[in-house]
PDB file of N, CA and C in Angstrom:
ATOM      1  N   MET A   1      -9.530  -5.363 -27.521  1.00  0.00           N
ATOM      2  CA  MET A   1      -8.729  -5.858 -26.565  1.00  0.00           C
ATOM      3  C   MET A   1      -7.317  -5.297 -26.908  1.00  0.00           C
ATOM      4  N   ALA A   2      -6.473  -5.114 -25.810  1.00  0.00           N
ATOM      5  CA  ALA A   2      -5.191  -4.360 -26.096  1.00  0.00           C
ATOM      6  C   ALA A   2      -4.121  -5.340 -26.868  1.00  0.00           C
ATOM      7  N   ILE A   3      -3.436  -4.916 -27.703  1.00  0.00           N
ATOM      8  CA  ILE A   3      -2.618  -5.689 -28.481  1.00  0.00           C
ATOM      9  C   ILE A   3      -1.118  -5.517 -28.126  1.00  0.00           C
ATOM     10  N   THR A   4      -0.727  -4.325 -27.949  1.00  0.00           N
ATOM     11  CA  THR A   4       0.608  -4.000 -27.735  1.00  0.00           C
ATOM     12  C   THR A   4       0.878  -4.049 -26.189  1.00  0.00           C
ATOM     13  N   LYS A   5       2.277  -4.251 -25.715  1.00  0.00           N
ATOM     14  CA  LYS A   5       2.548  -4.401 -24.465  1.00  0.00           C
ATOM     15  C   LYS A   5       2.160  -3.169 -23.529  1.00  0.00           C
ATOM     16  N   SER A   6       2.348  -2.226 -24.265  1.00  0.00           N
ATOM     17  CA  SER A   6       2.157  -0.853 -23.410  1.00  0.00           C
ATOM     18  C   SER A   6       0.713  -0.547 -23.197  1.00  0.00           C
ATOM     19  N   ALA A   7      -0.063  -1.185 -24.218  1.00  0.00           N
ATOM     20  CA  ALA A   7      -1.591  -1.011 -24.215  1.00  0.00           C
ATOM     21  C   ALA A   7      -2.100  -1.981 -22.927  1.00  0.00           C
ATOM     22  N   LYS A   8      -1.505  -3.255 -22.896  1.00  0.00           N
ATOM     23  CA  LYS A   8      -1.930  -4.092 -21.930  1.00  0.00           C
ATOM     24  C   LYS A   8      -1.549  -3.512 -20.496  1.00  0.00           C
ATOM     25  N   LYS A   9      -0.290  -2.821 -20.278  1.00  0.00           N
ATOM     26  CA  LYS A   9       0.101  -2.302 -19.149  1.00  0.00           C
ATOM     27  C   LYS A   9      -0.899  -1.316 -18.738  1.00  0.00           C
ATOM     28  N   ALA A  10      -1.231  -0.278 -19.728  1.00  0.00           N
ATOM     29  CA  ALA A  10      -2.178   0.663 -19.500  1.00  0.00           C
ATOM     30  C   ALA A  10      -3.525   0.087 -18.928  1.00  0.00           C
ATOM     31  N   LEU A  11      -3.908  -0.938 -19.409  1.00  0.00           N
ATOM     32  CA  LEU A  11      -5.244  -1.435 -19.043  1.00  0.00           C
ATOM     33  C   LEU A  11      -5.135  -1.927 -17.564  1.00  0.00           C
ATOM     34  N   ARG A  12      -4.087  -2.592 -17.275  1.00  0.00           N
ATOM     35  CA  ARG A  12      -3.914  -3.132 -15.845  1.00  0.00           C
ATOM     36  C   ARG A  12      -3.862  -2.030 -14.817  1.00  0.00           C
ATOM     37  N   GLN A  13      -3.098  -0.732 -15.363  1.00  0.00           N
ATOM     38  CA  GLN A  13      -3.030   0.318 -14.425  1.00  0.00           C
ATOM     39  C   GLN A  13      -4.320   1.060 -14.219  1.00  0.00           C
ATOM     40  N   SER A  14      -5.064   0.973 -15.398  1.00  0.00           N
ATOM     41  CA  SER A  14      -6.467   1.716 -15.489  1.00  0.00           C
ATOM     42  C   SER A  14      -7.399   0.913 -14.483  1.00  0.00           C
ATOM     43  N   LYS A  15      -7.469  -0.270 -14.409  1.00  0.00           N
ATOM     44  CA  LYS A  15      -8.276  -1.158 -13.758  1.00  0.00           C
ATOM     45  C   LYS A  15      -7.894  -0.976 -12.010  1.00  0.00           C
ATOM     46  N   ARG A  16      -6.557  -0.898 -11.801  1.00  0.00           N
ATOM     47  CA  ARG A  16      -6.306  -0.624 -10.402  1.00  0.00           C
ATOM     48  C   ARG A  16      -6.592   0.548  -9.901  1.00  0.00           C
ATOM     49  N   ARG A  17      -6.557   1.638 -10.810  1.00  0.00           N
ATOM     50  CA  ARG A  17      -6.751   3.001 -10.262  1.00  0.00           C
ATOM     51  C   ARG A  17      -8.343   3.167 -10.218  1.00  0.00           C
ATOM     52  N   ASN A  18      -9.260   2.537 -11.153  1.00  0.00           N
ATOM     53  CA  ASN A  18     -10.539   2.536 -11.003  1.00  0.00           C
ATOM     54  C   ASN A  18     -11.063   1.883  -9.700  1.00  0.00           C
ATOM     55  N   THR A  19     -10.502   0.719  -9.244  1.00  0.00           N
ATOM     56  CA  THR A  19     -11.013   0.254  -8.062  1.00  0.00           C
ATOM     57  C   THR A  19     -10.510   0.953  -6.851  1.00  0.00           C
ATOM     58  N   ARG A  20      -9.386   1.503  -7.126  1.00  0.00           N
ATOM     59  CA  ARG A  20      -9.055   2.516  -5.802  1.00  0.00           C
ATOM     60  C   ARG A  20      -9.980   3.697  -5.738  1.00  0.00           C
ATOM     61  N   ASN A  21     -10.290   4.216  -6.895  1.00  0.00           N
ATOM     62  CA  ASN A  21     -11.044   5.426  -6.915  1.00  0.00           C
ATOM     63  C   ASN A  21     -12.463   5.030  -6.397  1.00  0.00           C
ATOM     64  N   VAL A  22     -13.232   4.016  -6.960  1.00  0.00           N
ATOM     65  CA  VAL A  22     -14.338   3.557  -6.404  1.00  0.00           C
ATOM     66  C   VAL A  22     -14.397   3.341  -4.830  1.00  0.00           C
ATOM     67  N   GLU A  23     -13.284   2.721  -4.361  1.00  0.00           N
ATOM     68  CA  GLU A  23     -13.302   2.480  -2.784  1.00  0.00           C
ATOM     69  C   GLU A  23     -13.337   3.887  -2.104  1.00  0.00           C
ATOM     70  N   LYS A  24     -12.486   4.787  -2.525  1.00  0.00           N
ATOM     71  CA  LYS A  24     -12.437   6.089  -1.942  1.00  0.00           C
ATOM     72  C   LYS A  24     -13.652   6.854  -2.119  1.00  0.00           C
ATOM     73  N   LYS A  25     -14.310   6.786  -3.238  1.00  0.00           N
ATOM     74  CA  LYS A  25     -15.606   7.503  -3.392  1.00  0.00           C
ATOM     75  C   LYS A  25     -16.665   6.934  -2.571  1.00  0.00           C
ATOM     76  N   ASP A  26     -16.804   5.509  -2.570  1.00  0.00           N
ATOM     77  CA  ASP A  26     -17.599   4.835  -1.642  1.00  0.00           C
ATOM     78  C   ASP A  26     -17.602   5.257  -0.091  1.00  0.00           C
ATOM     79  N   ALA A  27     -16.236   5.292   0.226  1.00  0.00           N
ATOM     80  CA  ALA A  27     -16.167   5.563   1.596  1.00  0.00           C
ATOM     81  C   ALA A  27     -16.352   7.051   2.014  1.00  0.00           C
ATOM     82  N   LEU A  28     -16.188   7.905   0.938  1.00  0.00           N
ATOM     83  CA  LEU A  28     -16.544   9.346   1.062  1.00  0.00           C
ATOM     84  C   LEU A  28     -18.213   9.469   1.246  1.00  0.00           C
ATOM     85  N   LYS A  29     -18.834   8.849   0.497  1.00  0.00           N
ATOM     86  CA  LYS A  29     -20.222   8.894   0.438  1.00  0.00           C
ATOM     87  C   LYS A  29     -20.840   8.240   1.731  1.00  0.00           C
ATOM     88  N   LYS A  30     -20.292   7.257   2.390  1.00  0.00           N
ATOM     89  CA  LYS A  30     -20.654   6.687   3.655  1.00  0.00           C
ATOM     90  C   LYS A  30     -20.367   7.710   4.732  1.00  0.00           C
ATOM     91  N   LEU A  31     -19.227   8.420   4.699  1.00  0.00           N
ATOM     92  CA  LEU A  31     -19.096   9.513   5.724  1.00  0.00           C
ATOM     93  C   LEU A  31     -20.123  10.576   5.541  1.00  0.00           C
ATOM     94  N   VAL A  32     -20.329  11.004   4.305  1.00  0.00           N
ATOM     95  CA  VAL A  32     -21.367  12.203   4.187  1.00  0.00           C
ATOM     96  C   VAL A  32     -22.742  11.649   4.606  1.00  0.00           C
ATOM     97  N   LYS A  33     -23.113  10.585   4.251  1.00  0.00           N
ATOM     98  CA  LYS A  33     -24.433  10.111   4.694  1.00  0.00           C
ATOM     99  C   LYS A  33     -24.511   9.888   6.305  1.00  0.00           C
ATOM    100  N   GLN A  34     -23.362   9.376   6.933  1.00  0.00           N
ATOM    101  CA  GLN A  34     -23.423   9.299   8.272  1.00  0.00           C
ATOM    102  C   GLN A  34     -23.575  10.750   8.931  1.00  0.00           C
ATOM    103  N   VAL A  35     -22.930  11.718   8.525  1.00  0.00           N
ATOM    104  CA  VAL A  35     -22.985  13.082   9.170  1.00  0.00           C
ATOM    105  C   VAL A  35     -24.500  13.637   8.882  1.00  0.00           C
ATOM    106  N   ARG A  36     -24.940  13.440   7.661  1.00  0.00           N
ATOM    107  CA  ARG A  36     -26.318  13.902   7.438  1.00  0.00           C
ATOM    108  C   ARG A  36     -27.285  13.149   8.321  1.00  0.00           C
ATOM    109  N   LEU A  37     -27.107  11.665   8.526  1.00  0.00           N
ATOM    110  CA  LEU A  37     -28.022  10.968   9.414  1.00  0.00           C
ATOM    111  C   LEU A  37     -27.829  11.591  10.870  1.00  0.00           C
ATOM    112  N   LEU A  38     -26.913  11.895  11.108  1.00  0.00           N
ATOM    113  CA  LEU A  38     -26.412  12.361  12.633  1.00  0.00           C
ATOM    114  C   LEU A  38     -27.376  13.812  12.790  1.00  0.00           C
ATOM    115  N   ILE A  39     -27.156  14.524  11.821  1.00  0.00           N
ATOM    116  CA  ILE A  39     -27.693  15.759  11.799  1.00  0.00           C
ATOM    117  C   ILE A  39     -29.338  15.720  11.901  1.00  0.00           C
ATOM    118  N   SER A  40     -29.847  14.744  11.050  1.00  0.00           N
ATOM    119  CA  SER A  40     -31.232  14.415  11.070  1.00  0.00           C
ATOM    120  C   SER A  40     -31.699  13.820  12.359  1.00  0.00           C
ATOM    121  N   GLN A  41     -31.061  13.110  12.955  1.00  0.00           N
ATOM    122  CA  GLN A  41     -31.393  12.487  14.432  1.00  0.00           C
ATOM    123  C   GLN A  41     -31.041  13.697  15.381  1.00  0.00           C
ATOM    124  N   LYS A  42     -30.585  14.801  15.331  1.00  0.00           N
ATOM    125  CA  LYS A  42     -30.276  15.887  16.147  1.00  0.00           C
ATOM    126  C   LYS A  42     -29.203  15.485  16.962  1.00  0.00           C
ATOM    127  N   LYS A  43     -28.196  14.735  16.638  1.00  0.00           N
ATOM    128  CA  LYS A  43     -27.073  14.307  17.372  1.00  0.00           C
ATOM    129  C   LYS A  43     -25.941  15.290  16.897  1.00  0.00           C
ATOM    130  N   PHE A  44     -26.054  16.470  17.355  1.00  0.00           N
ATOM    131  CA  PHE A  44     -25.075  17.478  16.726  1.00  0.00           C
ATOM    132  C   PHE A  44     -23.678  17.411  17.260  1.00  0.00           C
ATOM    133  N   ASP A  45     -23.501  16.944  18.483  1.00  0.00           N
ATOM    134  CA  ASP A  45     -22.130  16.851  18.951  1.00  0.00           C
ATOM    135  C   ASP A  45     -21.384  15.858  18.202  1.00  0.00           C
ATOM    136  N   GLU A  46     -21.990  14.598  17.959  1.00  0.00           N
ATOM    137  CA  GLU A  46     -21.194  13.508  17.319  1.00  0.00           C
ATOM    138  C   GLU A  46     -21.152  13.910  15.749  1.00  0.00           C
ATOM    139  N   ALA A  47     -21.959  14.774  15.160  1.00  0.00           N
ATOM    140  CA  ALA A  47     -21.835  15.195  13.759  1.00  0.00           C
ATOM    141  C   ALA A  47     -20.746  16.230  13.812  1.00  0.00           C
ATOM    142  N   GLN A  48     -20.640  16.941  14.698  1.00  0.00           N
ATOM    143  CA  GLN A  48     -19.460  17.901  14.790  1.00  0.00           C
ATOM    144  C   GLN A  48     -18.148  17.421  15.015  1.00  0.00           C
ATOM    145  N   LYS A  49     -18.079  16.197  15.731  1.00  0.00           N
ATOM    146  CA  LYS A  49     -16.827  15.500  15.929  1.00  0.00           C
ATOM    147  C   LYS A  49     -16.380  14.902  14.506  1.00  0.00           C
ATOM    148  N   LEU A  50     -17.300  14.273  13.722  1.00  0.00           N
ATOM    149  CA  LEU A  50     -17.082  13.740  12.416  1.00  0.00           C
ATOM    150  C   LEU A  50     -16.968  14.636  11.371  1.00  0.00           C
ATOM    151  N   LEU A  51     -17.173  15.990  11.404  1.00  0.00           N
ATOM    152  CA  LEU A  51     -17.043  16.911  10.346  1.00  0.00           C
ATOM    153  C   LEU A  51     -15.585  16.884   9.882  1.00  0.00           C
ATOM    154  N   PRO A  52     -14.601  17.093  10.727  1.00  0.00           N
ATOM    155  CA  PRO A  52     -13.208  17.195  10.016  1.00  0.00           C
ATOM    156  C   PRO A  52     -12.851  16.089   9.411  1.00  0.00           C
ATOM    157  N   GLN A  53     -13.469  14.986   9.744  1.00  0.00           N
ATOM    158  CA  GLN A  53     -12.915  13.650   9.103  1.00  0.00           C
ATOM    159  C   GLN A  53     -13.566  13.740   7.684  1.00  0.00           C
ATOM    160  N   VAL A  54     -14.975  14.228   7.603  1.00  0.00           N
ATOM    161  CA  VAL A  54     -15.437  14.438   6.242  1.00  0.00           C
ATOM    162  C   VAL A  54     -14.772  15.612   5.347  1.00  0.00           C
ATOM    163  N   PHE A  55     -14.453  16.532   5.948  1.00  0.00           N
ATOM    164  CA  PHE A  55     -13.949  17.547   5.314  1.00  0.00           C
ATOM    165  C   PHE A  55     -12.435  17.149   4.736  1.00  0.00           C
ATOM    166  N   LYS A  56     -11.848  16.412   5.432  1.00  0.00           N
ATOM    167  CA  LYS A  56     -10.510  15.827   5.006  1.00  0.00           C
ATOM    168  C   LYS A  56     -10.702  14.749   3.795  1.00  0.00           C
ATOM    169  N   ALA A  57     -11.533  14.013   3.981  1.00  0.00           N
ATOM    170  CA  ALA A  57     -12.008  13.042   2.813  1.00  0.00           C
ATOM    171  C   ALA A  57     -12.449  13.796   1.629  1.00  0.00           C
ATOM    172  N   LEU A  58     -13.189  14.817   1.745  1.00  0.00           N
ATOM    173  CA  LEU A  58     -13.671  15.547   0.586  1.00  0.00           C
ATOM    174  C   LEU A  58     -12.386  16.300  -0.082  1.00  0.00           C
ATOM    175  N   ASP A  59     -11.536  16.919   0.746  1.00  0.00           N
ATOM    176  CA  ASP A  59     -10.367  17.669   0.214  1.00  0.00           C
ATOM    177  C   ASP A  59      -9.328  16.738  -0.562  1.00  0.00           C
ATOM    178  N   LYS A  60      -9.056  15.506   0.006  1.00  0.00           N
ATOM    179  CA  LYS A  60      -8.374  14.485  -0.452  1.00  0.00           C
ATOM    180  C   LYS A  60      -8.839  14.098  -1.835  1.00  0.00           C
ATOM    181  N   THR A  61     -10.055  13.730  -1.965  1.00  0.00           N
ATOM    182  CA  THR A  61     -10.723  13.088  -3.054  1.00  0.00           C
ATOM    183  C   THR A  61     -10.727  14.143  -4.078  1.00  0.00           C
ATOM    184  N   ALA A  62     -10.752  15.342  -3.765  1.00  0.00           N
ATOM    185  CA  ALA A  62     -10.872  16.413  -4.650  1.00  0.00           C
ATOM    186  C   ALA A  62      -9.360  16.745  -5.131  1.00  0.00           C
ATOM    187  N   LYS A  63      -8.391  16.569  -4.406  1.00  0.00           N
ATOM    188  CA  LYS A  63      -7.067  16.835  -4.855  1.00  0.00           C
ATOM    189  C   LYS A  63      -6.633  15.677  -5.651  1.00  0.00           C
ATOM    190  N   VAL A  64      -7.013  14.617  -5.580  1.00  0.00           N
ATOM    191  CA  VAL A  64      -6.567  13.490  -6.437  1.00  0.00           C
ATOM    192  C   VAL A  64      -7.340  13.418  -7.693  1.00  0.00           C
ATOM    193  N   GLY A  65      -8.496  13.988  -7.787  1.00  0.00           N
ATOM    194  CA  GLY A  65      -9.213  14.200  -8.870  1.00  0.00           C
ATOM    195  C   GLY A  65     -10.434  13.323  -8.885  1.00  0.00           C
ATOM    196  N   ILE A  66     -10.804  12.524  -7.920  1.00  0.00           N
ATOM    197  CA  ILE A  66     -11.885  11.620  -7.942  1.00  0.00           C
ATOM    198  C   ILE A  66     -13.215  12.483  -8.013  1.00  0.00           C
ATOM    199  N   ILE A  67     -13.210  13.673  -7.329  1.00  0.00           N
ATOM    200  CA  ILE A  67     -14.285  14.287  -7.482  1.00  0.00           C
ATOM    201  C   ILE A  67     -13.754  15.938  -7.861  1.00  0.00           C
ATOM    202  N   LYS A  68     -14.651  16.554  -8.332  1.00  0.00           N
ATOM    203  CA  LYS A  68     -14.116  18.010  -8.831  1.00  0.00           C
ATOM    204  C   LYS A  68     -13.972  18.902  -7.409  1.00  0.00           C
ATOM    205  N   LYS A  69     -13.127  19.844  -7.572  1.00  0.00           N
ATOM    206  CA  LYS A  69     -12.946  20.778  -6.558  1.00  0.00           C
ATOM    207  C   LYS A  69     -14.167  21.461  -6.103  1.00  0.00           C
ATOM    208  N   ASN A  70     -15.091  21.992  -7.015  1.00  0.00           N
ATOM    209  CA  ASN A  70     -16.379  22.741  -6.624  1.00  0.00           C
ATOM    210  C   ASN A  70     -17.217  21.852  -5.985  1.00  0.00           C
ATOM    211  N   THR A  71     -17.212  20.633  -6.413  1.00  0.00           N
ATOM    212  CA  THR A  71     -18.243  19.581  -5.918  1.00  0.00           C
ATOM    213  C   THR A  71     -17.914  19.389  -4.311  1.00  0.00           C
ATOM    214  N   ALA A  72     -16.643  19.272  -4.133  1.00  0.00           N
ATOM    215  CA  ALA A  72     -16.208  19.032  -2.597  1.00  0.00           C
ATOM    216  C   ALA A  72     -16.504  20.319  -1.921  1.00  0.00           C
ATOM    217  N   SER A  73     -16.344  21.554  -2.413  1.00  0.00           N
ATOM    218  CA  SER A  73     -16.587  22.780  -1.886  1.00  0.00           C
ATOM    219  C   SER A  73     -18.025  22.814  -1.525  1.00  0.00           C
ATOM    220  N   ARG A  74     -18.784  22.484  -2.412  1.00  0.00           N
ATOM    221  CA  ARG A  74     -20.357  22.521  -2.328  1.00  0.00           C
ATOM    222  C   ARG A  74     -20.864  21.598  -1.177  1.00  0.00           C
ATOM    223  N   LYS A  75     -20.303  20.372  -1.177  1.00  0.00           N
ATOM    224  CA  LYS A  75     -20.536  19.529  -0.306  1.00  0.00           C
ATOM    225  C   LYS A  75     -20.317  19.966   1.138  1.00  0.00           C
ATOM    226  N   LYS A  76     -19.022  20.413   1.257  1.00  0.00           N
ATOM    227  CA  LYS A  76     -18.504  21.051   2.489  1.00  0.00           C
ATOM    228  C   LYS A  76     -19.563  22.087   3.060  1.00  0.00           C
ATOM    229  N   SER A  77     -19.903  22.948   2.059  1.00  0.00           N
ATOM    230  CA  SER A  77     -20.633  24.041   2.352  1.00  0.00           C
ATOM    231  C   SER A  77     -21.989  23.568   2.819  1.00  0.00           C
ATOM    232  N   ARG A  78     -22.609  22.769   2.331  1.00  0.00           N
ATOM    233  CA  ARG A  78     -24.162  22.377   2.493  1.00  0.00           C
ATOM    234  C   ARG A  78     -24.177  21.491   3.832  1.00  0.00           C
ATOM    235  N   ILE A  79     -22.989  20.706   4.099  1.00  0.00           N
ATOM    236  CA  ILE A  79     -23.072  19.949   5.217  1.00  0.00           C
ATOM    237  C   ILE A  79     -22.963  20.880   6.435  1.00  0.00           C
ATOM    238  N   SER A  80     -22.057  21.953   6.313  1.00  0.00           N
ATOM    239  CA  SER A  80     -21.843  22.943   7.501  1.00  0.00           C
ATOM    240  C   SER A  80     -22.964  23.839   7.836  1.00  0.00           C
ATOM    241  N   ARG A  81     -23.478  24.160   6.585  1.00  0.00           N
ATOM    242  CA  ARG A  81     -24.846  25.000   6.718  1.00  0.00           C
ATOM    243  C   ARG A  81     -25.978  24.037   7.306  1.00  0.00           C
ATOM    244  N   ALA A  82     -26.167  22.927   6.991  1.00  0.00           N
ATOM    245  CA  ALA A  82     -27.160  22.136   7.626  1.00  0.00           C
ATOM    246  C   ALA A  82     -27.026  21.925   9.020  1.00  0.00           C
ATOM    247  N   LEU A  83     -25.662  21.778   9.432  1.00  0.00           N
ATOM    248  CA  LEU A  83     -25.434  21.596  10.842  1.00  0.00           C
ATOM    249  C   LEU A  83     -25.660  22.854  11.648  1.00  0.00           C
ATOM    250  N   ASN A  84     -25.277  23.978  11.122  1.00  0.00           N
ATOM    251  CA  ASN A  84     -25.522  25.310  11.810  1.00  0.00           C
ATOM    252  C   ASN A  84     -27.037  25.710  11.725  1.00  0.00           C
ATOM    253  N   LYS A  85     -27.717  25.159  10.933  1.00  0.00           N
ATOM    254  CA  LYS A  85     -29.054  25.489  10.821  1.00  0.00           C
ATOM    255  C   LYS A  85     -29.868  24.898  11.775  1.00  0.00           C
ATOM    256  N   LYS A  86     -29.564  23.565  11.888  1.00  0.00           N
ATOM    257  CA  LYS A  86     -30.409  22.730  12.872  1.00  0.00           C
ATOM    258  C   LYS A  86     -29.989  22.923  14.268  1.00  0.00           C
ATOM    259  N   GLN A  87     -28.876  23.546  14.508  1.00  0.00           N
ATOM    260  CA  GLN A  87     -28.333  23.681  16.030  1.00  0.00           C
ATOM    261  C   GLN A  87     -29.061  24.888  16.660  1.00  0.00           C
TER     262      GLN A  87
END
């Protein structure tokens, strides 16, 4: 357990950041899942409309450090490739 005042504050900050990161990561996963589902259901127009939103979320989470830059790039590439392949 934290003893010093600064360690207690660091623990509070860490908890706050963790919850924020988890929320953002969950929202990102939901978006990616939604796009993949639309692609599998052959609703390409809806998936195409959702694509910029997914890319934005991936870029933002990578920028902040929630996911790595290459992971974001890979996910963007695979989603767009799946969309182009099925169309």
